């Protein structure tokens, strides 16, 4: 059974940084593309960033240049480094694999 477990969320001031982690189990991680999505209250879930098995990356327009996705296949982990955070980045952040297995989400709140 596939499990994706996110961590690293929290409260941060505007302009600050956070790094999210998603640890995967029950799958051949190195052979699976991964992605981060987010969902703010009252809004649809949106793609934040994605990474292929060979670490090609893709970003949503609103986070390009501020966020960076990476993976460590030895640790079965995908990361999301978030810099220059804005209040509009406030959302629950979810990890997903290419087979549409989802984690439980981690809350990120950007507020002064």
N, C-alpha and C. Protein backbone atom coordinates (compact mmCIF):
# COMPACT_ATOMS: atom_id res chain seq x y z
N UNK A 1 0.84 -1.18 0.00
CA UNK A 1 0.00 0.00 0.00
C UNK A 1 0.89 1.24 0.00
N UNK A 2 0.57 2.16 -0.91
CA UNK A 2 1.35 3.38 -1.02
C UNK A 2 0.98 4.34 0.10
N UNK A 3 2.01 4.91 0.73
CA UNK A 3 1.80 5.96 1.73
C UNK A 3 2.70 7.14 1.42
N UNK A 4 2.12 8.32 1.46
CA UNK A 4 2.86 9.56 1.29
C UNK A 4 2.62 10.41 2.53
N UNK A 5 3.69 10.80 3.20
CA UNK A 5 3.56 11.53 4.46
C UNK A 5 4.31 12.85 4.35
N UNK A 6 3.55 13.94 4.39
CA UNK A 6 4.13 15.27 4.31
C UNK A 6 4.49 15.80 5.70
N UNK A 7 5.46 16.68 5.73
CA UNK A 7 5.83 17.37 6.97
C UNK A 7 6.52 18.69 6.60
N UNK A 8 6.69 19.54 7.61
CA UNK A 8 7.44 20.77 7.41
C UNK A 8 6.60 22.03 7.33
N UNK A 9 5.29 21.88 7.35
CA UNK A 9 4.44 23.06 7.31
C UNK A 9 4.48 23.82 8.63
N UNK A 10 3.85 25.00 8.61
CA UNK A 10 3.81 25.81 9.82
C UNK A 10 3.44 27.23 9.52
N UNK A 11 3.66 28.08 10.52
CA UNK A 11 3.38 29.51 10.40
C UNK A 11 4.69 30.24 10.12
N UNK A 12 4.68 31.10 9.11
CA UNK A 12 5.88 31.85 8.75
C UNK A 12 5.47 33.26 8.35
N UNK A 13 6.35 34.20 8.59
CA UNK A 13 6.07 35.59 8.22
C UNK A 13 6.29 35.80 6.72
N UNK A 14 5.61 36.77 6.14
CA UNK A 14 5.87 37.10 4.72
C UNK A 14 7.35 37.36 4.48
N UNK A 15 7.84 36.81 3.37
CA UNK A 15 9.25 36.91 3.04
C UNK A 15 10.09 35.77 3.58
N UNK A 16 9.50 34.96 4.43
CA UNK A 16 10.22 33.85 5.03
C UNK A 16 10.29 32.62 4.15
N UNK A 17 10.87 31.56 4.71
CA UNK A 17 11.08 30.32 3.96
C UNK A 17 10.61 29.12 4.78
N UNK A 18 10.24 28.09 4.07
CA UNK A 18 9.92 26.79 4.66
C UNK A 18 10.38 25.71 3.69
N UNK A 19 10.70 24.53 4.22
CA UNK A 19 10.97 23.39 3.36
C UNK A 19 10.02 22.26 3.75
N UNK A 20 9.24 21.83 2.79
CA UNK A 20 8.33 20.70 2.99
C UNK A 20 9.01 19.42 2.54
N UNK A 21 8.66 18.34 3.22
CA UNK A 21 9.16 17.01 2.85
C UNK A 21 7.98 16.07 2.67
N UNK A 22 8.15 15.12 1.78
CA UNK A 22 7.15 14.06 1.58
C UNK A 22 7.91 12.75 1.47
N UNK A 23 7.70 11.89 2.44
CA UNK A 23 8.33 10.58 2.46
C UNK A 23 7.36 9.55 1.90
N UNK A 24 7.82 8.79 0.93
CA UNK A 24 6.98 7.81 0.27
C UNK A 24 7.37 6.39 0.68
N UNK A 25 6.38 5.52 0.75
CA UNK A 25 6.62 4.09 1.00
C UNK A 25 5.62 3.28 0.20
N UNK A 26 5.97 2.02 -0.04
CA UNK A 26 5.06 1.13 -0.78
C UNK A 26 5.11 1.30 -2.28
N UNK A 27 6.14 1.95 -2.77
CA UNK A 27 6.29 2.13 -4.22
C UNK A 27 7.76 2.18 -4.56
N UNK A 28 8.06 1.97 -5.85
CA UNK A 28 9.43 2.07 -6.33
C UNK A 28 9.69 3.54 -6.63
N UNK A 29 10.11 4.26 -5.61
CA UNK A 29 10.12 5.72 -5.65
C UNK A 29 10.93 6.27 -6.82
N UNK A 30 12.06 5.68 -7.10
CA UNK A 30 12.94 6.23 -8.13
C UNK A 30 12.32 6.16 -9.52
N UNK A 31 11.28 5.35 -9.68
CA UNK A 31 10.64 5.17 -10.98
C UNK A 31 9.34 5.97 -11.12
N UNK A 32 9.06 6.82 -10.16
CA UNK A 32 7.76 7.51 -10.10
C UNK A 32 7.96 9.02 -10.10
N UNK A 33 7.26 9.72 -11.00
CA UNK A 33 7.23 11.18 -10.94
C UNK A 33 6.41 11.62 -9.73
N UNK A 34 6.76 12.78 -9.20
CA UNK A 34 6.11 13.29 -7.99
C UNK A 34 5.71 14.74 -8.20
N UNK A 35 4.78 15.19 -7.38
CA UNK A 35 4.32 16.58 -7.50
C UNK A 35 3.83 17.09 -6.16
N UNK A 36 3.84 18.41 -6.06
CA UNK A 36 3.22 19.11 -4.93
C UNK A 36 2.04 19.92 -5.47
N UNK A 37 0.94 19.82 -4.76
CA UNK A 37 -0.24 20.62 -5.03
C UNK A 37 -0.57 21.41 -3.76
N UNK A 38 -1.44 22.39 -3.92
CA UNK A 38 -1.93 23.12 -2.75
C UNK A 38 -3.39 23.49 -2.95
N UNK A 39 -4.06 23.66 -1.81
CA UNK A 39 -5.46 24.08 -1.85
C UNK A 39 -5.71 25.08 -0.74
N UNK A 40 -6.11 26.27 -1.14
CA UNK A 40 -6.47 27.32 -0.19
C UNK A 40 -7.97 27.26 0.07
N UNK A 41 -8.43 27.79 1.19
CA UNK A 41 -9.86 27.76 1.49
C UNK A 41 -10.69 28.40 0.38
N UNK A 42 -11.70 27.69 -0.06
CA UNK A 42 -12.59 28.21 -1.08
C UNK A 42 -12.04 28.18 -2.49
N UNK A 43 -10.87 27.60 -2.67
CA UNK A 43 -10.25 27.55 -3.99
C UNK A 43 -10.02 26.11 -4.42
N UNK A 44 -9.82 25.93 -5.72
CA UNK A 44 -9.53 24.60 -6.24
C UNK A 44 -8.07 24.23 -5.96
N UNK A 45 -7.84 22.93 -5.91
CA UNK A 45 -6.47 22.45 -5.73
C UNK A 45 -5.67 22.80 -6.99
N UNK A 46 -4.44 23.28 -6.81
CA UNK A 46 -3.63 23.68 -7.95
C UNK A 46 -2.24 23.07 -7.88
N UNK A 47 -1.67 22.84 -9.04
CA UNK A 47 -0.31 22.31 -9.12
C UNK A 47 0.67 23.39 -8.68
N UNK A 48 1.58 23.01 -7.81
CA UNK A 48 2.66 23.90 -7.39
C UNK A 48 3.94 23.58 -8.14
N UNK A 49 4.31 22.31 -8.13
CA UNK A 49 5.55 21.90 -8.78
C UNK A 49 5.53 20.41 -9.01
N UNK A 50 6.27 19.97 -10.03
CA UNK A 50 6.36 18.56 -10.35
C UNK A 50 7.79 18.22 -10.72
N UNK A 51 8.14 16.95 -10.51
CA UNK A 51 9.51 16.50 -10.82
C UNK A 51 9.44 15.10 -11.40
N UNK A 52 10.16 14.89 -12.50
CA UNK A 52 10.16 13.59 -13.15
C UNK A 52 11.18 12.66 -12.48
N UNK A 53 11.27 11.44 -13.00
CA UNK A 53 12.22 10.48 -12.45
C UNK A 53 13.66 10.89 -12.70
N UNK A 54 13.88 11.74 -13.70
CA UNK A 54 15.25 12.20 -13.98
C UNK A 54 15.43 13.66 -13.54
N UNK A 55 14.53 14.09 -12.66
CA UNK A 55 14.61 15.41 -12.01
C UNK A 55 14.39 16.60 -12.93
N UNK A 56 13.67 16.38 -14.04
CA UNK A 56 13.16 17.53 -14.77
C UNK A 56 12.02 18.12 -13.95
N UNK A 57 11.93 19.44 -13.93
CA UNK A 57 10.96 20.11 -13.05
C UNK A 57 10.02 21.01 -13.82
N UNK A 58 8.88 21.27 -13.20
CA UNK A 58 7.86 22.15 -13.78
C UNK A 58 7.19 22.86 -12.61
N UNK A 59 6.85 24.15 -12.81
CA UNK A 59 6.29 24.95 -11.71
C UNK A 59 5.04 25.69 -12.14
N UNK A 60 4.15 25.90 -11.16
CA UNK A 60 3.04 26.78 -11.40
C UNK A 60 3.53 28.22 -11.55
N UNK A 61 2.80 29.00 -12.32
CA UNK A 61 3.24 30.36 -12.65
C UNK A 61 3.41 31.22 -11.40
N UNK A 62 2.58 31.00 -10.40
CA UNK A 62 2.60 31.87 -9.22
C UNK A 62 3.79 31.60 -8.30
N UNK A 63 4.48 30.47 -8.48
CA UNK A 63 5.59 30.13 -7.58
C UNK A 63 6.93 30.08 -8.30
N UNK A 64 6.91 30.21 -9.62
CA UNK A 64 8.16 30.10 -10.39
C UNK A 64 9.15 31.14 -9.92
N UNK A 65 10.39 30.69 -9.69
CA UNK A 65 11.43 31.60 -9.22
C UNK A 65 11.50 31.73 -7.71
N UNK A 66 10.49 31.24 -7.00
CA UNK A 66 10.48 31.31 -5.53
C UNK A 66 10.56 29.94 -4.88
N UNK A 67 9.96 28.94 -5.52
CA UNK A 67 9.91 27.59 -4.98
C UNK A 67 10.82 26.68 -5.79
N UNK A 68 11.32 25.63 -5.14
CA UNK A 68 12.15 24.64 -5.83
C UNK A 68 11.78 23.25 -5.35
N UNK A 69 11.51 22.36 -6.30
CA UNK A 69 11.21 20.97 -5.98
C UNK A 69 12.46 20.14 -6.24
N UNK A 70 12.69 19.16 -5.38
CA UNK A 70 13.82 18.26 -5.56
C UNK A 70 13.46 16.90 -4.99
N UNK A 71 14.29 15.91 -5.28
CA UNK A 71 14.02 14.57 -4.77
C UNK A 71 15.32 13.91 -4.35
N UNK A 72 15.21 13.03 -3.36
CA UNK A 72 16.32 12.20 -2.91
C UNK A 72 15.84 10.76 -2.98
N UNK A 73 16.23 10.06 -4.03
CA UNK A 73 15.73 8.70 -4.22
C UNK A 73 16.24 7.74 -3.13
N UNK A 74 17.40 8.04 -2.57
CA UNK A 74 17.93 7.18 -1.50
C UNK A 74 17.08 7.26 -0.24
N UNK A 75 16.39 8.38 -0.07
CA UNK A 75 15.54 8.58 1.11
C UNK A 75 14.06 8.49 0.79
N UNK A 76 13.72 8.15 -0.45
CA UNK A 76 12.30 8.08 -0.87
C UNK A 76 11.56 9.37 -0.51
N UNK A 77 12.20 10.49 -0.75
CA UNK A 77 11.67 11.77 -0.29
C UNK A 77 11.69 12.80 -1.41
N UNK A 78 10.61 13.57 -1.50
CA UNK A 78 10.56 14.72 -2.37
C UNK A 78 10.40 15.96 -1.50
N UNK A 79 11.09 17.02 -1.88
CA UNK A 79 11.11 18.25 -1.09
C UNK A 79 10.50 19.41 -1.87
N UNK A 80 10.02 20.39 -1.14
CA UNK A 80 9.60 21.65 -1.73
C UNK A 80 10.20 22.77 -0.89
N UNK A 81 11.21 23.42 -1.44
CA UNK A 81 11.80 24.58 -0.79
C UNK A 81 11.03 25.80 -1.21
N UNK A 82 10.49 26.51 -0.23
CA UNK A 82 9.63 27.67 -0.50
C UNK A 82 10.30 28.92 0.08
N UNK A 83 10.64 29.84 -0.79
CA UNK A 83 11.28 31.10 -0.39
C UNK A 83 10.38 32.27 -0.73
N UNK A 84 10.70 33.42 -0.14
CA UNK A 84 9.94 34.66 -0.40
C UNK A 84 8.44 34.42 -0.30
N UNK A 85 8.04 33.77 0.77
CA UNK A 85 6.63 33.41 0.94
C UNK A 85 5.74 34.63 1.07
N UNK A 86 4.54 34.48 0.53
CA UNK A 86 3.54 35.55 0.52
C UNK A 86 2.27 35.06 1.21
N UNK A 87 1.45 35.97 1.70
CA UNK A 87 0.19 35.52 2.32
C UNK A 87 -0.66 34.66 1.39
N UNK A 88 -0.59 34.92 0.10
CA UNK A 88 -1.39 34.13 -0.85
C UNK A 88 -0.85 32.71 -1.05
N UNK A 89 0.30 32.41 -0.47
CA UNK A 89 0.79 31.03 -0.49
C UNK A 89 0.16 30.18 0.62
N UNK A 90 -0.61 30.81 1.47
CA UNK A 90 -1.29 30.07 2.54
C UNK A 90 -2.23 29.03 1.97
N UNK A 91 -2.04 27.79 2.37
CA UNK A 91 -2.83 26.67 1.84
C UNK A 91 -2.42 25.39 2.55
N UNK A 92 -3.18 24.35 2.29
CA UNK A 92 -2.73 23.00 2.63
C UNK A 92 -1.96 22.47 1.43
N UNK A 93 -0.76 21.99 1.68
CA UNK A 93 0.11 21.47 0.63
C UNK A 93 0.09 19.95 0.65
N UNK A 94 -0.11 19.38 -0.53
CA UNK A 94 -0.23 17.94 -0.68
C UNK A 94 0.84 17.40 -1.61
N UNK A 95 1.30 16.23 -1.29
CA UNK A 95 2.22 15.48 -2.13
C UNK A 95 1.39 14.45 -2.91
N UNK A 96 1.76 14.24 -4.18
CA UNK A 96 1.06 13.27 -5.01
C UNK A 96 2.07 12.53 -5.88
N UNK A 97 1.83 11.24 -6.11
CA UNK A 97 2.67 10.52 -7.07
C UNK A 97 1.95 10.42 -8.41
N UNK A 98 2.64 9.92 -9.40
CA UNK A 98 2.08 9.93 -10.76
C UNK A 98 0.89 8.99 -10.90
N UNK A 99 0.70 8.10 -9.92
CA UNK A 99 -0.46 7.21 -9.92
C UNK A 99 -1.61 7.78 -9.10
N UNK A 100 -1.51 9.07 -8.77
CA UNK A 100 -2.56 9.83 -8.08
C UNK A 100 -2.83 9.32 -6.67
N UNK A 101 -1.77 8.84 -6.01
CA UNK A 101 -1.84 8.62 -4.58
C UNK A 101 -1.49 9.94 -3.89
N UNK A 102 -2.24 10.27 -2.84
CA UNK A 102 -2.09 11.55 -2.17
C UNK A 102 -1.67 11.36 -0.71
N UNK A 103 -0.94 12.34 -0.22
CA UNK A 103 -0.68 12.42 1.20
C UNK A 103 -1.83 13.11 1.91
N UNK A 104 -1.67 13.28 3.23
CA UNK A 104 -2.74 13.86 4.03
C UNK A 104 -2.68 15.38 4.06
N UNK A 105 -1.57 15.94 3.62
CA UNK A 105 -1.43 17.38 3.54
C UNK A 105 -0.74 17.98 4.76
N UNK A 106 -0.13 19.13 4.55
CA UNK A 106 0.48 19.88 5.65
C UNK A 106 0.13 21.35 5.46
N UNK A 107 -0.26 21.99 6.55
CA UNK A 107 -0.74 23.37 6.49
C UNK A 107 0.44 24.34 6.46
N UNK A 108 0.38 25.27 5.53
CA UNK A 108 1.33 26.38 5.47
C UNK A 108 0.54 27.68 5.62
N UNK A 109 0.92 28.47 6.61
CA UNK A 109 0.26 29.75 6.84
C UNK A 109 1.30 30.85 6.80
N UNK A 110 1.08 31.83 5.93
CA UNK A 110 2.00 32.95 5.79
C UNK A 110 1.28 34.20 6.30
N UNK A 111 1.74 34.69 7.43
CA UNK A 111 1.04 35.81 8.07
C UNK A 111 1.98 36.51 9.02
N UNK A 112 1.78 37.81 9.16
CA UNK A 112 2.55 38.58 10.13
C UNK A 112 1.79 38.69 11.45
